[in-house]
Amino acid sequence: MSDKQLLHLVFGGELENLEEVRFRDLDKLDLVGVYPDYESATKAWRSKAQSTVDNAHMRYFIVHMHKLLDPDGDGKF
């Protein structure tokens, strides 16, 4: 088992339209949380996405923070 943190951010918000990722109101973004692995992030994403299924403009995303923090994957800054 690896001790490397593979952080993932789950967040969502209401889109202005369904053709692009542009949020209607940035002050109303739903920051669900930061998760230590993709599996737990997917569970949180699925739960939030399913709870907002009646709003076609509401979208949730998973951001691979570990790829932003360490783009070359060597574990160093």
PDB file of N, CA and C in Angstrom:
ATOM      1  N   MET A   1       0.836  -1.182   0.000  1.00  0.00           N
ATOM      2  CA  MET A   1       0.000   0.000   0.000  1.00  0.00           C
ATOM      3  C   MET A   1       0.879   1.243   0.000  1.00  0.00           C
ATOM      4  N   SER A   2       0.588   2.176  -0.851  1.00  0.00           N
ATOM      5  CA  SER A   2       1.372   3.386  -0.989  1.00  0.00           C
ATOM      6  C   SER A   2       0.977   4.410   0.064  1.00  0.00           C
ATOM      7  N   ASP A   3       1.971   5.156   0.569  1.00  0.00           N
ATOM      8  CA  ASP A   3       1.676   6.218   1.517  1.00  0.00           C
ATOM      9  C   ASP A   3       1.545   7.569   0.813  1.00  0.00           C
ATOM     10  N   LYS A   4       1.595   7.552  -0.493  1.00  0.00           N
ATOM     11  CA  LYS A   4       1.470   8.771  -1.291  1.00  0.00           C
ATOM     12  C   LYS A   4       0.026   9.272  -1.247  1.00  0.00           C
ATOM     13  N   GLN A   5      -0.143  10.556  -0.977  1.00  0.00           N
ATOM     14  CA  GLN A   5      -1.484  11.143  -0.966  1.00  0.00           C
ATOM     15  C   GLN A   5      -1.891  11.506  -2.385  1.00  0.00           C
ATOM     16  N   LEU A   6      -3.039  11.015  -2.789  1.00  0.00           N
ATOM     17  CA  LEU A   6      -3.596  11.350  -4.099  1.00  0.00           C
ATOM     18  C   LEU A   6      -4.886  12.139  -3.852  1.00  0.00           C
ATOM     19  N   LEU A   7      -4.725  13.414  -3.515  1.00  0.00           N
ATOM     20  CA  LEU A   7      -5.843  14.251  -3.114  1.00  0.00           C
ATOM     21  C   LEU A   7      -6.771  14.584  -4.277  1.00  0.00           C
ATOM     22  N   HIS A   8      -8.074  14.560  -3.980  1.00  0.00           N
ATOM     23  CA  HIS A   8      -9.108  14.873  -4.968  1.00  0.00           C
ATOM     24  C   HIS A   8     -10.110  15.836  -4.350  1.00  0.00           C
ATOM     25  N   LEU A   9     -10.462  16.878  -5.083  1.00  0.00           N
ATOM     26  CA  LEU A   9     -11.450  17.857  -4.655  1.00  0.00           C
ATOM     27  C   LEU A   9     -12.767  17.575  -5.372  1.00  0.00           C
ATOM     28  N   VAL A  10     -13.867  17.560  -4.618  1.00  0.00           N
ATOM     29  CA  VAL A  10     -15.201  17.403  -5.199  1.00  0.00           C
ATOM     30  C   VAL A  10     -15.942  18.715  -4.962  1.00  0.00           C
ATOM     31  N   PHE A  11     -16.447  19.289  -6.048  1.00  0.00           N
ATOM     32  CA  PHE A  11     -17.207  20.530  -5.949  1.00  0.00           C
ATOM     33  C   PHE A  11     -18.232  20.588  -7.061  1.00  0.00           C
ATOM     34  N   GLY A  12     -19.177  21.503  -6.921  1.00  0.00           N
ATOM     35  CA  GLY A  12     -20.193  21.642  -7.960  1.00  0.00           C
ATOM     36  C   GLY A  12     -20.870  22.987  -7.888  1.00  0.00           C
ATOM     37  N   GLY A  13     -21.730  23.193  -8.857  1.00  0.00           N
ATOM     38  CA  GLY A  13     -22.486  24.424  -8.923  1.00  0.00           C
ATOM     39  C   GLY A  13     -23.417  24.410 -10.118  1.00  0.00           C
ATOM     40  N   GLU A  14     -24.216  25.429 -10.189  1.00  0.00           N
ATOM     41  CA  GLU A  14     -25.189  25.531 -11.276  1.00  0.00           C
ATOM     42  C   GLU A  14     -24.535  26.218 -12.475  1.00  0.00           C
ATOM     43  N   LEU A  15     -24.632  25.584 -13.629  1.00  0.00           N
ATOM     44  CA  LEU A  15     -24.041  26.123 -14.853  1.00  0.00           C
ATOM     45  C   LEU A  15     -24.972  27.137 -15.509  1.00  0.00           C
ATOM     46  N   GLU A  16     -24.373  28.114 -16.213  1.00  0.00           N
ATOM     47  CA  GLU A  16     -25.174  29.085 -16.955  1.00  0.00           C
ATOM     48  C   GLU A  16     -25.924  28.420 -18.103  1.00  0.00           C
ATOM     49  N   ASN A  17     -25.228  27.510 -18.786  1.00  0.00           N
ATOM     50  CA  ASN A  17     -25.858  26.742 -19.862  1.00  0.00           C
ATOM     51  C   ASN A  17     -25.199  25.375 -19.911  1.00  0.00           C
ATOM     52  N   LEU A  18     -25.772  24.476 -20.675  1.00  0.00           N
ATOM     53  CA  LEU A  18     -25.283  23.104 -20.704  1.00  0.00           C
ATOM     54  C   LEU A  18     -24.173  22.858 -21.714  1.00  0.00           C
ATOM     55  N   GLU A  19     -23.772  23.898 -22.422  1.00  0.00           N
ATOM     56  CA  GLU A  19     -22.755  23.758 -23.468  1.00  0.00           C
ATOM     57  C   GLU A  19     -21.333  24.010 -22.984  1.00  0.00           C
ATOM     58  N   GLU A  20     -21.176  24.632 -21.795  1.00  0.00           N
ATOM     59  CA  GLU A  20     -19.836  24.939 -21.307  1.00  0.00           C
ATOM     60  C   GLU A  20     -19.818  24.930 -19.779  1.00  0.00           C
ATOM     61  N   VAL A  21     -18.616  24.852 -19.238  1.00  0.00           N
ATOM     62  CA  VAL A  21     -18.471  24.880 -17.782  1.00  0.00           C
ATOM     63  C   VAL A  21     -18.235  26.332 -17.368  1.00  0.00           C
ATOM     64  N   ARG A  22     -19.339  27.024 -17.153  1.00  0.00           N
ATOM     65  CA  ARG A  22     -19.321  28.401 -16.665  1.00  0.00           C
ATOM     66  C   ARG A  22     -20.438  28.493 -15.628  1.00  0.00           C
ATOM     67  N   PHE A  23     -20.024  28.760 -14.391  1.00  0.00           N
ATOM     68  CA  PHE A  23     -20.975  28.726 -13.286  1.00  0.00           C
ATOM     69  C   PHE A  23     -21.816  29.993 -13.219  1.00  0.00           C
ATOM     70  N   ARG A  24     -23.070  29.808 -12.872  1.00  0.00           N
ATOM     71  CA  ARG A  24     -24.036  30.904 -12.768  1.00  0.00           C
ATOM     72  C   ARG A  24     -23.650  31.878 -11.659  1.00  0.00           C
ATOM     73  N   ASP A  25     -23.212  31.373 -10.498  1.00  0.00           N
ATOM     74  CA  ASP A  25     -22.888  32.225  -9.349  1.00  0.00           C
ATOM     75  C   ASP A  25     -21.750  31.575  -8.563  1.00  0.00           C
ATOM     76  N   LEU A  26     -20.553  32.137  -8.669  1.00  0.00           N
ATOM     77  CA  LEU A  26     -19.392  31.556  -7.992  1.00  0.00           C
ATOM     78  C   LEU A  26     -19.526  31.577  -6.471  1.00  0.00           C
ATOM     79  N   ASP A  27     -20.305  32.502  -5.940  1.00  0.00           N
ATOM     80  CA  ASP A  27     -20.515  32.563  -4.494  1.00  0.00           C
ATOM     81  C   ASP A  27     -21.350  31.386  -3.986  1.00  0.00           C
ATOM     82  N   LYS A  28     -22.020  30.693  -4.884  1.00  0.00           N
ATOM     83  CA  LYS A  28     -22.871  29.570  -4.485  1.00  0.00           C
ATOM     84  C   LYS A  28     -22.273  28.209  -4.856  1.00  0.00           C
ATOM     85  N   LEU A  29     -20.967  28.168  -5.161  1.00  0.00           N
ATOM     86  CA  LEU A  29     -20.329  26.878  -5.424  1.00  0.00           C
ATOM     87  C   LEU A  29     -20.416  26.005  -4.179  1.00  0.00           C
ATOM     88  N   ASP A  30     -20.648  24.740  -4.388  1.00  0.00           N
ATOM     89  CA  ASP A  30     -20.740  23.771  -3.308  1.00  0.00           C
ATOM     90  C   ASP A  30     -19.410  23.023  -3.225  1.00  0.00           C
ATOM     91  N   LEU A  31     -18.593  23.373  -2.231  1.00  0.00           N
ATOM     92  CA  LEU A  31     -17.320  22.694  -2.021  1.00  0.00           C
ATOM     93  C   LEU A  31     -17.591  21.495  -1.115  1.00  0.00           C
ATOM     94  N   VAL A  32     -17.694  20.336  -1.725  1.00  0.00           N
ATOM     95  CA  VAL A  32     -18.077  19.117  -1.010  1.00  0.00           C
ATOM     96  C   VAL A  32     -16.961  18.673  -0.083  1.00  0.00           C
ATOM     97  N   GLY A  33     -15.726  18.630  -0.587  1.00  0.00           N
ATOM     98  CA  GLY A  33     -14.606  18.241   0.259  1.00  0.00           C
ATOM     99  C   GLY A  33     -13.400  17.773  -0.517  1.00  0.00           C
ATOM    100  N   VAL A  34     -12.334  17.500   0.232  1.00  0.00           N
ATOM    101  CA  VAL A  34     -11.090  16.958  -0.311  1.00  0.00           C
ATOM    102  C   VAL A  34     -10.962  15.528   0.206  1.00  0.00           C
ATOM    103  N   TYR A  35     -10.642  14.613  -0.706  1.00  0.00           N
ATOM    104  CA  TYR A  35     -10.626  13.182  -0.388  1.00  0.00           C
ATOM    105  C   TYR A  35      -9.255  12.597  -0.694  1.00  0.00           C
ATOM    106  N   PRO A  36      -8.851  11.573   0.074  1.00  0.00           N
ATOM    107  CA  PRO A  36      -7.505  11.025  -0.042  1.00  0.00           C
ATOM    108  C   PRO A  36      -7.283  10.086  -1.227  1.00  0.00           C
ATOM    109  N   ASP A  37      -8.362   9.716  -1.908  1.00  0.00           N
ATOM    110  CA  ASP A  37      -8.220   8.807  -3.044  1.00  0.00           C
ATOM    111  C   ASP A  37      -9.422   8.975  -3.984  1.00  0.00           C
ATOM    112  N   TYR A  38      -9.258   8.469  -5.191  1.00  0.00           N
ATOM    113  CA  TYR A  38     -10.300   8.625  -6.212  1.00  0.00           C
ATOM    114  C   TYR A  38     -11.579   7.889  -5.833  1.00  0.00           C
ATOM    115  N   GLU A  39     -11.461   6.745  -5.200  1.00  0.00           N
ATOM    116  CA  GLU A  39     -12.638   5.953  -4.840  1.00  0.00           C
ATOM    117  C   GLU A  39     -13.559   6.723  -3.886  1.00  0.00           C
ATOM    118  N   SER A  40     -13.001   7.310  -2.843  1.00  0.00           N
ATOM    119  CA  SER A  40     -13.846   8.053  -1.898  1.00  0.00           C
ATOM    120  C   SER A  40     -14.371   9.339  -2.531  1.00  0.00           C
ATOM    121  N   ALA A  41     -13.593   9.963  -3.402  1.00  0.00           N
ATOM    122  CA  ALA A  41     -14.065  11.159  -4.111  1.00  0.00           C
ATOM    123  C   ALA A  41     -15.234  10.802  -5.034  1.00  0.00           C
ATOM    124  N   THR A  42     -15.152   9.662  -5.688  1.00  0.00           N
ATOM    125  CA  THR A  42     -16.221   9.223  -6.580  1.00  0.00           C
ATOM    126  C   THR A  42     -17.514   8.974  -5.808  1.00  0.00           C
ATOM    127  N   LYS A  43     -17.406   8.394  -4.628  1.00  0.00           N
ATOM    128  CA  LYS A  43     -18.598   8.159  -3.802  1.00  0.00           C
ATOM    129  C   LYS A  43     -19.260   9.480  -3.425  1.00  0.00           C
ATOM    130  N   ALA A  44     -18.457  10.470  -3.026  1.00  0.00           N
ATOM    131  CA  ALA A  44     -18.998  11.781  -2.659  1.00  0.00           C
ATOM    132  C   ALA A  44     -19.606  12.465  -3.874  1.00  0.00           C
ATOM    133  N   TRP A  45     -18.918  12.396  -5.009  1.00  0.00           N
ATOM    134  CA  TRP A  45     -19.415  12.999  -6.246  1.00  0.00           C
ATOM    135  C   TRP A  45     -20.759  12.378  -6.645  1.00  0.00           C
ATOM    136  N   ARG A  46     -20.825  11.063  -6.624  1.00  0.00           N
ATOM    137  CA  ARG A  46     -22.044  10.354  -7.025  1.00  0.00           C
ATOM    138  C   ARG A  46     -23.220  10.733  -6.115  1.00  0.00           C
ATOM    139  N   SER A  47     -22.974  10.809  -4.831  1.00  0.00           N
ATOM    140  CA  SER A  47     -24.013  11.163  -3.875  1.00  0.00           C
ATOM    141  C   SER A  47     -24.558  12.568  -4.140  1.00  0.00           C
ATOM    142  N   LYS A  48     -23.668  13.534  -4.339  1.00  0.00           N
ATOM    143  CA  LYS A  48     -24.106  14.910  -4.597  1.00  0.00           C
ATOM    144  C   LYS A  48     -24.790  15.020  -5.963  1.00  0.00           C
ATOM    145  N   ALA A  49     -24.256  14.367  -6.963  1.00  0.00           N
ATOM    146  CA  ALA A  49     -24.854  14.424  -8.305  1.00  0.00           C
ATOM    147  C   ALA A  49     -26.256  13.822  -8.292  1.00  0.00           C
ATOM    148  N   GLN A  50     -26.429  12.721  -7.614  1.00  0.00           N
ATOM    149  CA  GLN A  50     -27.744  12.082  -7.561  1.00  0.00           C
ATOM    150  C   GLN A  50     -28.744  12.906  -6.757  1.00  0.00           C
ATOM    151  N   SER A  51     -28.274  13.634  -5.762  1.00  0.00           N
ATOM    152  CA  SER A  51     -29.188  14.437  -4.947  1.00  0.00           C
ATOM    153  C   SER A  51     -29.680  15.689  -5.676  1.00  0.00           C
ATOM    154  N   THR A  52     -29.021  16.045  -6.784  1.00  0.00           N
ATOM    155  CA  THR A  52     -29.407  17.245  -7.541  1.00  0.00           C
ATOM    156  C   THR A  52     -29.888  16.890  -8.949  1.00  0.00           C
ATOM    157  N   VAL A  53     -30.295  15.645  -9.149  1.00  0.00           N
ATOM    158  CA  VAL A  53     -30.661  15.163 -10.480  1.00  0.00           C
ATOM    159  C   VAL A  53     -31.836  15.940 -11.085  1.00  0.00           C
ATOM    160  N   ASP A  54     -32.688  16.541 -10.265  1.00  0.00           N
ATOM    161  CA  ASP A  54     -33.834  17.298 -10.779  1.00  0.00           C
ATOM    162  C   ASP A  54     -33.453  18.647 -11.382  1.00  0.00           C
ATOM    163  N   ASN A  55     -32.230  19.116 -11.128  1.00  0.00           N
ATOM    164  CA  ASN A  55     -31.766  20.383 -11.683  1.00  0.00           C
ATOM    165  C   ASN A  55     -30.760  20.076 -12.795  1.00  0.00           C
ATOM    166  N   ALA A  56     -31.182  20.191 -14.032  1.00  0.00           N
ATOM    167  CA  ALA A  56     -30.338  19.829 -15.178  1.00  0.00           C
ATOM    168  C   ALA A  56     -29.080  20.692 -15.283  1.00  0.00           C
ATOM    169  N   HIS A  57     -29.080  21.875 -14.691  1.00  0.00           N
ATOM    170  CA  HIS A  57     -27.930  22.767 -14.778  1.00  0.00           C
ATOM    171  C   HIS A  57     -26.908  22.557 -13.663  1.00  0.00           C
ATOM    172  N   MET A  58     -27.243  21.733 -12.702  1.00  0.00           N
ATOM    173  CA  MET A  58     -26.334  21.487 -11.582  1.00  0.00           C
ATOM    174  C   MET A  58     -25.350  20.394 -11.957  1.00  0.00           C
ATOM    175  N   ARG A  59     -24.061  20.675 -11.762  1.00  0.00           N
ATOM    176  CA  ARG A  59     -23.019  19.707 -12.102  1.00  0.00           C
ATOM    177  C   ARG A  59     -21.989  19.639 -10.987  1.00  0.00           C
ATOM    178  N   TYR A  60     -21.491  18.441 -10.754  1.00  0.00           N
ATOM    179  CA  TYR A  60     -20.415  18.219  -9.788  1.00  0.00           C
ATOM    180  C   TYR A  60     -19.210  17.653 -10.521  1.00  0.00           C
ATOM    181  N   PHE A  61     -18.026  17.973 -10.001  1.00  0.00           N
ATOM    182  CA  PHE A  61     -16.769  17.607 -10.649  1.00  0.00           C
ATOM    183  C   PHE A  61     -15.799  17.044  -9.627  1.00  0.00           C
ATOM    184  N   ILE A  62     -14.871  16.225 -10.126  1.00  0.00           N
ATOM    185  CA  ILE A  62     -13.744  15.743  -9.331  1.00  0.00           C
ATOM    186  C   ILE A  62     -12.481  16.334  -9.943  1.00  0.00           C
ATOM    187  N   VAL A  63     -11.710  17.043  -9.120  1.00  0.00           N
ATOM    188  CA  VAL A  63     -10.438  17.622  -9.555  1.00  0.00           C
ATOM    189  C   VAL A  63      -9.313  16.803  -8.936  1.00  0.00           C
ATOM    190  N   HIS A  64      -8.407  16.351  -9.764  1.00  0.00           N
ATOM    191  CA  HIS A  64      -7.257  15.573  -9.308  1.00  0.00           C
ATOM    192  C   HIS A  64      -6.197  16.549  -8.794  1.00  0.00           C
ATOM    193  N   MET A  65      -6.330  16.933  -7.539  1.00  0.00           N
ATOM    194  CA  MET A  65      -5.422  17.933  -6.962  1.00  0.00           C
ATOM    195  C   MET A  65      -3.975  17.461  -6.965  1.00  0.00           C
ATOM    196  N   HIS A  66      -3.766  16.173  -6.790  1.00  0.00           N
ATOM    197  CA  HIS A  66      -2.398  15.647  -6.760  1.00  0.00           C
ATOM    198  C   HIS A  66      -1.684  15.902  -8.080  1.00  0.00           C
ATOM    199  N   LYS A  67      -2.410  15.958  -9.176  1.00  0.00           N
ATOM    200  CA  LYS A  67      -1.793  16.234 -10.471  1.00  0.00           C
ATOM    201  C   LYS A  67      -1.430  17.707 -10.620  1.00  0.00           C
ATOM    202  N   LEU A  68      -2.173  18.572  -9.943  1.00  0.00           N
ATOM    203  CA  LEU A  68      -1.856  19.998  -9.962  1.00  0.00           C
ATOM    204  C   LEU A  68      -0.684  20.315  -9.039  1.00  0.00           C
ATOM    205  N   LEU A  69      -0.622  19.617  -7.899  1.00  0.00           N
ATOM    206  CA  LEU A  69       0.433  19.867  -6.921  1.00  0.00           C
ATOM    207  C   LEU A  69       1.766  19.242  -7.319  1.00  0.00           C
ATOM    208  N   ASP A  70       1.718  18.156  -8.069  1.00  0.00           N
ATOM    209  CA  ASP A  70       2.920  17.434  -8.482  1.00  0.00           C
ATOM    210  C   ASP A  70       2.751  16.947  -9.924  1.00  0.00           C
ATOM    211  N   PRO A  71       2.823  17.872 -10.894  1.00  0.00           N
ATOM    212  CA  PRO A  71       2.504  17.515 -12.286  1.00  0.00           C
ATOM    213  C   PRO A  71       3.408  16.450 -12.903  1.00  0.00           C
ATOM    214  N   ASP A  72       4.662  16.370 -12.478  1.00  0.00           N
ATOM    215  CA  ASP A  72       5.549  15.355 -13.073  1.00  0.00           C
ATOM    216  C   ASP A  72       5.553  14.047 -12.279  1.00  0.00           C
ATOM    217  N   GLY A  73       4.837  14.024 -11.135  1.00  0.00           N
ATOM    218  CA  GLY A  73       4.666  12.790 -10.379  1.00  0.00           C
ATOM    219  C   GLY A  73       5.869  12.292  -9.627  1.00  0.00           C
ATOM    220  N   ASP A  74       6.869  13.151  -9.400  1.00  0.00           N
ATOM    221  CA  ASP A  74       8.062  12.685  -8.699  1.00  0.00           C
ATOM    222  C   ASP A  74       7.997  12.870  -7.184  1.00  0.00           C
ATOM    223  N   GLY A  75       6.905  13.445  -6.687  1.00  0.00           N
ATOM    224  CA  GLY A  75       6.735  13.630  -5.259  1.00  0.00           C
ATOM    225  C   GLY A  75       7.487  14.826  -4.687  1.00  0.00           C
ATOM    226  N   LYS A  76       8.040  15.669  -5.571  1.00  0.00           N
ATOM    227  CA  LYS A  76       8.803  16.849  -5.128  1.00  0.00           C
ATOM    228  C   LYS A  76       8.217  18.100  -5.758  1.00  0.00           C
ATOM    229  N   PHE A  77       8.472  19.222  -5.102  1.00  0.00           N
ATOM    230  CA  PHE A  77       8.045  20.512  -5.672  1.00  0.00           C
ATOM    231  C   PHE A  77       8.976  20.931  -6.771  1.00  0.00           C
TER     232      PHE A  77
END
